[in-house]
Amino acid sequence: MMQSPLPVRDGVNATRLRLPDEGPWATAMDYMMHRWGHIDPQGIEDRFDAGEIVGEGGVPLDRRTRLEDHTFIWYYRTLPPETRLPVELNILHQDDHILVVDKPHFLPTTPGGTYIQESALVRLRNQLDLPDLIPMHRLDRMTAGILLLSTNPETRGRYQVLFEKRQVQKEYECVAAAEPAAGHPAVGFPVVVRNRMTKSRSYLLAEVIDGEPNAETRIDLLKTFDAGSADGGRPASGDAHARRGLYRLEPHSGKTHQLRVHMASLGLGILHDAFYPELLDKAPDDYTKPLQLLARGIRFVDPITGKPVEYRSRLELSEAR
């Protein structure tokens, strides 16, 4: 990955932009005006004048820099104000190479969309003064639990290889109905779900398609319990007293929304899942009803010490009994 010539600022990386090879723009500033001039033309001019937009090697650009002089340029985005999310990160382990935290529900792993400062990565970079911090994997914004991050660029590759070679074992827990929804066959546990999944950036949902399986999850039912009638949660079925189950999920691949899709495919959609099996209308976050999915643990042989390690979440699913 191309190294940014600008350092992390306020916990956020500089933005990289590739300039077109050709076009009707004489200068790099002309092109940026074409892209974003309708939003903040004065701000773009000010950044060029202040030398805050740079090319490879950190060379500052000005208003006259020709389009063809640079392939990539870097600059800092103007960050909009964000309301702090009412959730907190807990540090479980930190050494010279890695950081392990319990990520809460509703906090994204990395910056994106409307969440920049309010992401686990940026919060931790600022809190711990670790600008080189990088997550080794991701959890969905709505998923809580164990998150492993690299603190040391010199040893980062040794941990990345573990994930690439699937030498990291992950364990999740979720709450769903104890029995499949109508129209789905009974399930004998443990069960392994295998299929081919795809996820495009232009569509919210992951989809199951025909073809060679690329996603696999082992699912086991740990226990069942009565949902009760006064726990404030959306029942797993139309019956407020429906039985629910606590499940262990062991993914052997890492596709986007894999666990949520695989549970829904069994007729066991995870409690408070707004995407699967049915996409619900967008609504403000309800902090009293988090998605009942937790990254419980992660195991691997530490590449630095050569010893097996395991990290376990201290969080509990609010609707598990």
Protein backbone atom coordinates (compact mmCIF):
# COMPACT_ATOMS: atom_id res chain seq x y z
CA MET A 1 0.00 0.00 0.00
CA MET A 2 1.35 3.44 -0.94
CA GLN A 3 2.65 5.32 2.08
CA SER A 4 1.03 8.69 2.77
CA PRO A 5 3.54 11.57 2.93
CA LEU A 6 1.26 13.26 5.47
CA PRO A 7 1.07 12.01 9.07
CA VAL A 8 -2.12 10.98 10.83
CA ARG A 9 -3.88 14.07 12.19
CA ASP A 10 -6.51 13.94 14.94
CA GLY A 11 -6.49 10.17 14.57
CA VAL A 12 -7.45 10.32 10.87
CA ASN A 13 -5.35 9.47 7.82
CA ALA A 14 -4.91 12.00 5.05
CA THR A 15 -7.13 11.34 2.02
CA ARG A 16 -5.43 10.10 -1.15
CA LEU A 17 -6.78 11.17 -4.55
CA ARG A 18 -5.71 9.82 -7.92
CA LEU A 19 -5.59 12.50 -10.60
CA PRO A 20 -6.80 11.57 -14.10
CA ASP A 21 -4.19 10.99 -16.79
CA GLU A 22 -5.91 13.44 -19.10
CA GLY A 23 -8.95 15.65 -19.40
CA PRO A 24 -10.08 19.24 -19.85
CA TRP A 25 -8.33 20.36 -16.65
CA ALA A 26 -5.03 22.22 -16.96
CA THR A 27 -4.13 22.08 -13.27
CA ALA A 28 -4.67 19.83 -10.28
CA MET A 29 -6.71 22.63 -8.71
CA ASP A 30 -8.97 22.77 -11.79
CA TYR A 31 -9.72 19.09 -11.31
CA MET A 32 -10.45 19.46 -7.59
CA MET A 33 -12.74 22.39 -8.39
CA HIS A 34 -14.52 20.15 -10.88
CA ARG A 35 -14.99 17.49 -8.19
CA TRP A 36 -15.77 19.59 -5.13
CA GLY A 37 -15.90 23.25 -6.14
CA HIS A 38 -19.67 23.31 -5.71
CA ILE A 39 -19.19 22.49 -2.02
CA ASP A 40 -16.27 24.65 -0.87
CA PRO A 41 -14.41 26.52 -3.64
CA GLN A 42 -12.77 28.98 -1.26
CA GLY A 43 -11.57 26.16 0.97
CA ILE A 44 -9.90 24.44 -1.99
CA GLU A 45 -8.11 27.62 -3.03
CA ASP A 46 -6.99 28.25 0.56
CA ARG A 47 -5.52 24.74 0.85
CA PHE A 48 -3.50 25.13 -2.32
CA ASP A 49 -2.28 28.55 -1.20
CA ALA A 50 -1.26 27.16 2.21
CA GLY A 51 0.61 24.19 0.71
CA GLU A 52 -1.73 21.76 2.47
CA ILE A 53 -2.23 19.59 -0.64
CA VAL A 54 0.84 17.51 -1.42
CA GLY A 55 2.09 15.01 -3.98
CA GLU A 56 4.41 12.04 -3.63
CA GLY A 57 7.31 12.77 -1.32
CA GLY A 58 5.26 15.50 0.39
CA VAL A 59 5.86 18.09 -2.37
CA PRO A 60 3.32 20.93 -1.87
CA LEU A 61 1.07 21.80 -4.82
CA ASP A 62 -0.06 25.31 -5.69
CA ARG A 63 -2.71 26.76 -7.98
CA ARG A 64 -0.47 26.42 -11.02
CA THR A 65 0.63 22.79 -10.55
CA ARG A 66 -0.12 21.00 -13.81
CA LEU A 67 -2.50 18.05 -13.80
CA GLU A 68 0.10 15.76 -15.37
CA ASP A 69 2.77 16.55 -12.75
CA HIS A 70 1.28 14.16 -10.18
CA THR A 71 -0.58 10.86 -10.21
CA PHE A 72 -1.59 10.90 -6.54
CA ILE A 73 -2.13 13.78 -4.17
CA TRP A 74 -2.94 13.82 -0.45
CA TYR A 75 -4.88 16.25 1.72
CA TYR A 76 -6.76 16.43 5.01
CA ARG A 77 -10.52 16.43 4.82
CA THR A 78 -12.50 18.99 6.77
CA LEU A 79 -14.18 16.83 9.41
CA PRO A 80 -17.79 17.61 10.24
CA PRO A 81 -18.77 17.86 13.90
CA GLU A 82 -19.89 14.54 15.36
CA THR A 83 -22.02 13.74 18.37
CA ARG A 84 -20.20 11.29 20.62
CA LEU A 85 -21.87 7.89 20.64
CA PRO A 86 -22.96 6.84 24.15
CA VAL A 87 -20.81 3.71 24.16
CA GLU A 88 -17.30 2.97 25.43
CA LEU A 89 -14.33 0.82 24.42
CA ASN A 90 -12.58 -1.38 26.98
CA ILE A 91 -8.90 -2.30 26.64
CA LEU A 92 -8.26 -5.98 27.39
CA HIS A 93 -4.57 -6.32 26.44
CA GLN A 94 -1.77 -4.11 25.15
CA ASP A 95 1.88 -4.88 24.42
CA ASP A 96 4.60 -3.71 22.03
CA HIS A 97 2.88 -5.31 19.05
CA ILE A 98 -0.89 -5.60 19.51
CA LEU A 99 -3.87 -4.04 21.22
CA VAL A 100 -6.99 -6.06 22.07
CA VAL A 101 -10.22 -4.26 22.93
CA ASP A 102 -13.89 -4.95 23.53
CA LYS A 103 -15.71 -2.94 20.87
CA PRO A 104 -19.26 -1.96 21.85
CA HIS A 105 -22.33 -2.21 19.66
CA PHE A 106 -23.00 0.83 17.42
CA LEU A 107 -19.34 1.95 17.15
CA PRO A 108 -17.78 1.28 13.70
CA THR A 109 -14.34 -0.28 13.55
CA THR A 110 -12.91 2.22 11.04
CA PRO A 111 -13.88 5.71 9.80
CA GLY A 112 -16.49 5.86 7.09
CA GLY A 113 -19.60 7.76 6.08
CA THR A 114 -20.88 9.89 8.94
CA TYR A 115 -18.59 8.21 11.49
CA ILE A 116 -15.02 9.51 11.49
CA GLN A 117 -13.97 10.53 14.99
CA GLU A 118 -16.68 8.21 16.27
CA SER A 119 -14.96 5.01 15.18
CA ALA A 120 -12.99 2.56 17.29
CA LEU A 121 -9.79 3.21 15.36
CA VAL A 122 -9.81 7.01 15.64
CA ARG A 123 -10.92 6.98 19.27
CA LEU A 124 -8.08 4.61 20.18
CA ARG A 125 -5.45 6.48 18.15
CA ASN A 126 -6.31 9.70 19.98
CA GLN A 127 -6.81 8.14 23.42
CA LEU A 128 -3.55 6.16 23.39
CA ASP A 129 -1.48 8.49 21.15
CA LEU A 130 -0.88 5.64 18.68
CA PRO A 131 -1.08 7.16 15.17
CA ASP A 132 0.21 3.92 13.58
CA LEU A 133 -2.61 1.82 15.04
CA ILE A 134 -4.32 -0.41 12.43
CA PRO A 135 -7.10 -3.03 12.90
CA MET A 136 -6.17 -6.58 11.90
CA HIS A 137 -9.81 -7.42 11.11
CA ARG A 138 -13.18 -5.71 11.28
CA LEU A 139 -16.41 -6.03 13.18
CA ASP A 140 -19.66 -4.63 11.79
CA ARG A 141 -20.80 -1.43 13.48
CA MET A 142 -23.69 -3.31 15.07
CA THR A 143 -21.52 -6.21 16.30
CA ALA A 144 -19.74 -6.04 19.66
CA GLY A 145 -16.76 -7.90 21.05
CA ILE A 146 -13.10 -8.76 20.54
CA LEU A 147 -11.15 -6.54 18.15
CA LEU A 148 -7.42 -7.03 17.51
CA LEU A 149 -5.27 -4.11 16.34
CA SER A 150 -1.58 -3.79 15.44
CA THR A 151 0.43 -1.13 17.26
CA ASN A 152 3.77 -1.78 15.56
CA PRO A 153 4.30 -1.33 11.79
CA GLU A 154 7.47 -3.42 11.94
CA THR A 155 5.67 -6.57 13.11
CA ARG A 156 2.26 -5.89 11.55
CA GLY A 157 2.85 -8.15 8.56
CA ARG A 158 3.44 -11.18 10.79
CA TYR A 159 -0.06 -10.83 12.26
CA GLN A 160 -1.64 -10.05 8.88
CA VAL A 161 -0.31 -13.35 7.52
CA LEU A 162 -2.21 -15.23 10.24
CA PHE A 163 -5.51 -13.77 9.03
CA GLU A 164 -4.66 -14.27 5.37
CA LYS A 165 -3.84 -17.95 5.97
CA ARG A 166 -6.91 -18.44 8.21
CA GLN A 167 -4.76 -19.34 11.18
CA VAL A 168 -6.92 -17.26 13.51
CA GLN A 169 -9.90 -19.00 15.14
CA LYS A 170 -12.86 -16.76 15.94
CA GLU A 171 -15.85 -17.55 18.13
CA TYR A 172 -19.10 -15.58 18.25
CA GLU A 173 -22.32 -15.81 20.23
CA CYS A 174 -25.78 -14.69 19.22
CA VAL A 175 -29.38 -14.78 20.40
CA ALA A 176 -32.13 -15.88 18.02
CA ALA A 177 -35.33 -17.92 18.11
CA ALA A 178 -34.96 -21.43 19.48
CA GLU A 179 -36.92 -22.85 16.56
CA PRO A 180 -36.71 -21.92 12.86
CA ALA A 181 -39.33 -19.58 11.42
CA ALA A 182 -42.29 -21.03 9.54
CA GLY A 183 -41.32 -22.49 6.18
CA HIS A 184 -37.85 -23.56 7.33
CA PRO A 185 -36.99 -27.16 8.22
CA ALA A 186 -35.90 -28.22 11.70
CA VAL A 187 -32.18 -27.95 12.36
CA GLY A 188 -29.99 -30.59 13.97
CA PHE A 189 -27.13 -28.96 15.87
CA PRO A 190 -24.27 -28.57 15.41
CA VAL A 191 -24.74 -27.64 11.77
CA VAL A 192 -22.32 -26.30 9.17
CA VAL A 193 -23.66 -23.75 6.68
CA ARG A 194 -21.75 -23.40 3.40
CA ASN A 195 -22.65 -21.25 0.42
CA ARG A 196 -21.33 -18.63 -1.96
CA MET A 197 -21.79 -15.04 -0.83
CA THR A 198 -21.25 -11.73 -2.57
CA LYS A 199 -21.51 -8.15 -1.38
CA SER A 200 -21.34 -5.07 -3.62
CA ARG A 201 -20.58 -1.58 -2.34
CA SER A 202 -23.70 -0.26 -4.04
CA TYR A 203 -26.12 -2.52 -2.12
CA LEU A 204 -26.64 -2.78 1.62
CA LEU A 205 -27.20 -6.51 1.78
CA ALA A 206 -24.95 -9.48 1.14
CA GLU A 207 -26.45 -12.05 -1.18
CA VAL A 208 -26.20 -15.80 -1.57
CA ILE A 209 -25.58 -16.85 -5.17
CA ASP A 210 -24.97 -20.08 -7.03
CA GLY A 211 -21.41 -21.31 -7.27
CA GLU A 212 -18.52 -22.79 -5.34
CA PRO A 213 -18.93 -22.06 -1.58
CA ASN A 214 -16.73 -19.28 -0.26
CA ALA A 215 -18.35 -18.88 3.17
CA GLU A 216 -18.61 -21.44 5.94
CA THR A 217 -19.89 -21.25 9.52
CA ARG A 218 -20.28 -23.92 12.19
CA ILE A 219 -23.32 -23.20 14.36
CA ASP A 220 -24.21 -24.85 17.66
CA LEU A 221 -27.10 -24.28 20.05
CA LEU A 222 -25.76 -23.72 23.58
CA LYS A 223 -29.07 -23.42 25.42
CA THR A 224 -32.69 -22.33 25.13
CA PHE A 225 -34.66 -20.04 27.41
CA ASP A 226 -37.98 -18.23 27.71
CA ALA A 227 -37.88 -14.77 26.16
CA GLY A 228 -40.30 -13.49 28.80
CA SER A 229 -42.75 -10.70 28.26
CA ALA A 230 -41.15 -7.71 29.95
CA ASP A 231 -37.56 -7.65 28.73
CA GLY A 232 -38.21 -4.83 26.27
CA GLY A 233 -36.89 -6.82 23.33
CA ARG A 234 -38.57 -7.56 20.04
CA PRO A 235 -39.79 -11.17 20.31
CA ALA A 236 -38.01 -13.71 18.14
CA SER A 237 -41.44 -14.60 16.78
CA GLY A 238 -44.92 -13.20 17.12
CA ASP A 239 -45.24 -14.80 20.57
CA ALA A 240 -43.97 -12.62 23.39
CA HIS A 241 -43.19 -15.82 25.33
CA ALA A 242 -41.35 -17.48 22.45
CA ARG A 243 -38.36 -19.64 23.26
CA ARG A 244 -35.01 -18.22 22.33
CA GLY A 245 -31.63 -19.77 21.88
CA LEU A 246 -28.05 -18.79 22.65
CA TYR A 247 -25.85 -19.95 19.78
CA ARG A 248 -22.11 -20.37 19.26
CA LEU A 249 -20.90 -19.41 15.78
CA GLU A 250 -17.49 -20.39 14.41
CA PRO A 251 -16.78 -18.82 11.02
CA HIS A 252 -14.18 -20.46 8.79
CA SER A 253 -14.23 -17.52 6.37
CA GLY A 254 -14.76 -13.80 6.77
CA LYS A 255 -17.37 -12.53 4.34
CA THR A 256 -19.31 -9.35 5.08
CA HIS A 257 -22.46 -10.11 7.13
CA GLN A 258 -21.65 -13.83 6.90
CA LEU A 259 -22.95 -14.81 10.34
CA ARG A 260 -26.13 -12.80 9.97
CA VAL A 261 -26.85 -14.30 6.55
CA HIS A 262 -26.10 -17.86 7.66
CA MET A 263 -28.35 -17.62 10.72
CA ALA A 264 -31.17 -16.10 8.64
CA SER A 265 -30.81 -18.87 6.06
CA LEU A 266 -31.76 -21.38 8.77
CA GLY A 267 -34.85 -19.36 9.68
CA LEU A 268 -33.05 -18.13 12.80
CA GLY A 269 -32.50 -14.43 12.15
CA ILE A 270 -30.42 -12.82 14.91
CA LEU A 271 -32.48 -10.78 17.36
CA HIS A 272 -32.70 -7.07 16.45
CA ASP A 273 -31.10 -7.57 13.03
CA ALA A 274 -32.46 -4.77 10.84
CA PHE A 275 -31.04 -6.34 7.65
CA TYR A 276 -31.68 -10.09 7.70
CA PRO A 277 -33.90 -11.90 6.99
CA GLU A 278 -35.87 -8.72 6.22
CA LEU A 279 -34.51 -5.24 5.52
CA LEU A 280 -36.31 -2.90 7.89
CA ASP A 281 -36.85 0.81 7.35
CA LYS A 282 -33.92 2.95 8.42
CA ALA A 283 -34.46 4.30 11.91
CA PRO A 284 -32.30 6.05 14.51
CA ASP A 285 -30.11 3.74 16.57
CA ASP A 286 -32.00 2.22 19.48
CA TYR A 287 -29.35 1.73 22.15
CA THR A 288 -31.76 -0.41 24.20
CA LYS A 289 -31.95 -3.00 21.40
CA PRO A 290 -28.47 -3.78 20.09
CA LEU A 291 -27.97 -6.55 17.55
CA GLN A 292 -27.58 -9.70 19.61
CA LEU A 293 -24.24 -10.71 18.09
CA LEU A 294 -20.98 -10.77 20.03
CA ALA A 295 -17.41 -11.64 19.01
CA ARG A 296 -16.71 -13.78 22.08
CA GLY A 297 -13.14 -14.89 21.48
CA ILE A 298 -10.12 -15.07 19.21
CA ARG A 299 -7.27 -17.65 19.26
CA PHE A 300 -3.98 -17.94 17.40
CA VAL A 301 -0.31 -18.74 17.84
CA ASP A 302 1.41 -15.43 18.51
CA PRO A 303 4.02 -14.96 15.75
CA ILE A 304 6.36 -13.06 18.08
CA THR A 305 6.39 -15.42 21.09
CA GLY A 306 5.43 -18.62 19.27
CA LYS A 307 2.91 -19.37 22.05
CA PRO A 308 -0.84 -20.00 21.71
CA VAL A 309 -2.93 -17.07 22.94
CA GLU A 310 -6.63 -16.53 23.44
CA TYR A 311 -8.52 -13.33 24.17
CA ARG A 312 -12.11 -13.42 25.45
CA SER A 313 -14.70 -10.68 25.53
CA ARG A 314 -15.98 -9.53 28.90
CA LEU A 315 -19.21 -8.26 27.37
CA GLU A 316 -22.53 -10.10 27.57
CA LEU A 317 -25.44 -10.07 25.17
CA SER A 318 -28.22 -8.08 26.84
CA GLU A 319 -30.93 -10.59 25.93
CA ALA A 320 -29.08 -13.81 26.66
CA ARG A 321 -30.31 -15.68 29.72
